[in-house]
Amino acid sequence: MTGFEAISAHNGWAIAAIGISIVFTGLTLLSIIISQLHKVLEYIEARGKSHGGRASKDDSEIIIVIPKEVRQAARQYRMIVDRIGEPFALPRLLELASRHGLEKPHSTINSLIKKQVILPDGEGYFTWNEKAS
């Protein structure tokens, strides 16, 4: 027995139909999950903002805590910023950091920006966040 006779004799058509329906159902569920993923992410983000940190009504009460791995570098860069004045340009800060022999100035400044220790002023310059401690 070969060909279509063998397929029919061993329930091949039913197995193929079940396989196709399983794959189609899986792909349909995957497309639904992907199309609704933005709602789940928005919910998680909103939940994180409402429960993260302490809630305060006044921005003057918010203090940014600098992590230990960035604290020493922040002190060194703060001295450079005090020397060049505010607002300052990042290329000037990078130049002085390299000249003073500070390690990894690009990644350190990137970390300070991510931790909101260095803030953009909206005009291409940056300022030191006085609320950072």
Protein backbone atom coordinates (compact mmCIF):
# COMPACT_ATOMS: atom_id res chain seq x y z
CA MET A 1 0.00 0.00 0.00
CA THR A 2 1.46 3.36 -1.06
CA GLY A 3 0.40 6.94 -1.71
CA PHE A 4 -3.08 8.11 -0.86
CA GLU A 5 -4.22 4.63 0.19
CA ALA A 6 -1.58 4.55 2.95
CA ILE A 7 -2.52 8.04 4.10
CA SER A 8 -6.20 7.10 4.32
CA ALA A 9 -5.52 3.77 6.00
CA HIS A 10 -3.49 5.34 8.81
CA ASN A 11 -5.73 8.39 9.45
CA GLY A 12 -3.27 10.72 7.73
CA TRP A 13 -5.95 13.12 6.54
CA ALA A 14 -7.31 13.62 10.05
CA ILE A 15 -3.83 14.08 11.49
CA ALA A 16 -3.01 16.66 8.78
CA ALA A 17 -6.26 18.55 9.45
CA ILE A 18 -5.60 18.60 13.18
CA GLY A 19 -2.03 19.80 12.61
CA ILE A 20 -3.17 22.59 10.31
CA SER A 21 -5.84 23.69 12.81
CA ILE A 22 -3.30 23.70 15.68
CA VAL A 23 -0.86 25.83 13.69
CA PHE A 24 -3.61 28.19 12.52
CA THR A 25 -4.97 28.57 16.07
CA GLY A 26 -1.48 29.24 17.44
CA LEU A 27 -0.76 31.89 14.82
CA THR A 28 -4.13 33.52 15.43
CA LEU A 29 -3.51 33.68 19.18
CA LEU A 30 -0.02 35.05 18.60
CA SER A 31 -1.34 37.83 16.35
CA ILE A 32 -4.01 38.75 18.94
CA ILE A 33 -1.40 38.86 21.72
CA ILE A 34 0.93 41.04 19.65
CA SER A 35 -1.89 43.41 18.68
CA GLN A 36 -2.89 43.90 22.34
CA LEU A 37 0.62 44.00 23.80
CA HIS A 38 0.73 47.80 23.84
CA LYS A 39 -2.21 47.86 26.26
CA VAL A 40 -0.46 45.50 28.65
CA LEU A 41 2.75 47.54 28.50
CA GLU A 42 0.87 50.79 29.12
CA TYR A 43 -0.81 49.21 32.15
CA ILE A 44 2.51 47.98 33.55
CA GLU A 45 4.13 51.37 32.96
CA ALA A 46 1.27 53.27 34.59
CA ARG A 47 1.29 50.88 37.53
CA GLY A 48 5.04 51.33 37.96
CA LYS A 49 4.76 55.11 37.94
CA SER A 50 1.97 55.16 40.49
CA HIS A 51 3.70 52.77 42.92
CA GLY A 52 7.35 53.63 42.29
CA GLY A 53 9.07 55.92 44.76
CA ARG A 54 7.35 58.18 47.20
CA ALA A 55 4.42 60.21 46.04
CA SER A 56 4.76 63.94 46.46
CA LYS A 57 2.76 66.82 45.10
CA ASP A 58 5.61 69.31 45.00
CA ASP A 59 8.64 68.83 42.70
CA SER A 60 10.85 70.62 45.20
CA GLU A 61 10.48 67.68 47.60
CA ILE A 62 11.88 65.15 45.11
CA ILE A 63 15.51 64.21 45.70
CA ILE A 64 17.37 62.03 43.23
CA VAL A 65 19.60 59.49 44.95
CA ILE A 66 22.78 58.72 43.04
CA PRO A 67 23.67 55.00 43.06
CA LYS A 68 26.98 53.95 44.63
CA GLU A 69 28.53 52.93 41.30
CA VAL A 70 28.03 56.46 39.93
CA ARG A 71 28.56 58.51 43.10
CA GLN A 72 32.38 58.84 42.93
CA ALA A 73 32.28 59.71 39.25
CA ALA A 74 29.51 62.23 39.94
CA ARG A 75 31.75 64.00 42.47
CA GLN A 76 34.58 64.23 39.97
CA TYR A 77 32.34 65.46 37.18
CA ARG A 78 30.66 67.92 39.53
CA MET A 79 34.06 69.55 40.18
CA ILE A 80 34.61 69.87 36.43
CA VAL A 81 31.13 71.36 35.96
CA ASP A 82 31.78 73.85 38.76
CA ARG A 83 34.98 74.85 36.98
CA ILE A 84 33.44 75.37 33.52
CA GLY A 85 30.15 76.83 34.76
CA GLU A 86 26.55 76.13 33.89
CA PRO A 87 24.99 75.60 31.42
CA PHE A 88 27.75 73.53 29.83
CA ALA A 89 28.25 71.69 26.57
CA LEU A 90 28.85 67.94 26.69
CA PRO A 91 31.82 68.06 24.28
CA ARG A 92 33.58 70.47 26.65
CA LEU A 93 32.83 68.21 29.63
CA LEU A 94 34.12 65.18 27.69
CA GLU A 95 37.28 67.04 26.71
CA LEU A 96 38.05 68.06 30.28
CA ALA A 97 37.23 64.59 31.64
CA SER A 98 39.62 63.02 29.14
CA ARG A 99 42.27 65.60 29.91
CA HIS A 100 41.99 64.86 33.64
CA GLY A 101 42.30 61.11 32.97
CA LEU A 102 38.86 60.04 34.16
CA GLU A 103 37.90 56.51 33.16
CA LYS A 104 35.31 55.93 30.42
CA PRO A 105 34.06 59.51 30.15
CA HIS A 106 31.45 58.74 27.47
CA SER A 107 29.77 55.93 29.36
CA THR A 108 30.03 57.74 32.70
CA ILE A 109 28.36 60.87 31.33
CA ASN A 110 25.72 58.65 29.71
CA SER A 111 25.05 57.06 33.11
CA LEU A 112 24.80 60.49 34.75
CA ILE A 113 22.28 61.57 32.11
CA LYS A 114 20.26 58.38 32.52
CA LYS A 115 20.20 58.82 36.31
CA GLN A 116 19.07 62.44 35.74
CA VAL A 117 22.09 63.89 37.48
CA ILE A 118 22.88 65.87 34.32
CA LEU A 119 19.80 67.44 32.75
CA PRO A 120 19.34 68.96 29.27
CA ASP A 121 18.19 72.57 29.25
CA GLY A 122 16.39 72.28 25.90
CA GLU A 123 18.81 74.55 24.04
CA GLY A 124 21.64 72.08 23.44
CA TYR A 125 23.35 72.62 26.77
CA PHE A 126 23.19 70.74 30.04
CA THR A 127 22.93 71.64 33.71
CA TRP A 128 23.72 69.79 36.92
CA ASN A 129 20.66 68.61 38.82
CA GLU A 130 20.88 70.27 42.23
CA LYS A 131 18.35 67.77 43.61
CA ALA A 132 20.78 64.90 43.08
CA SER A 133 22.47 63.68 46.23
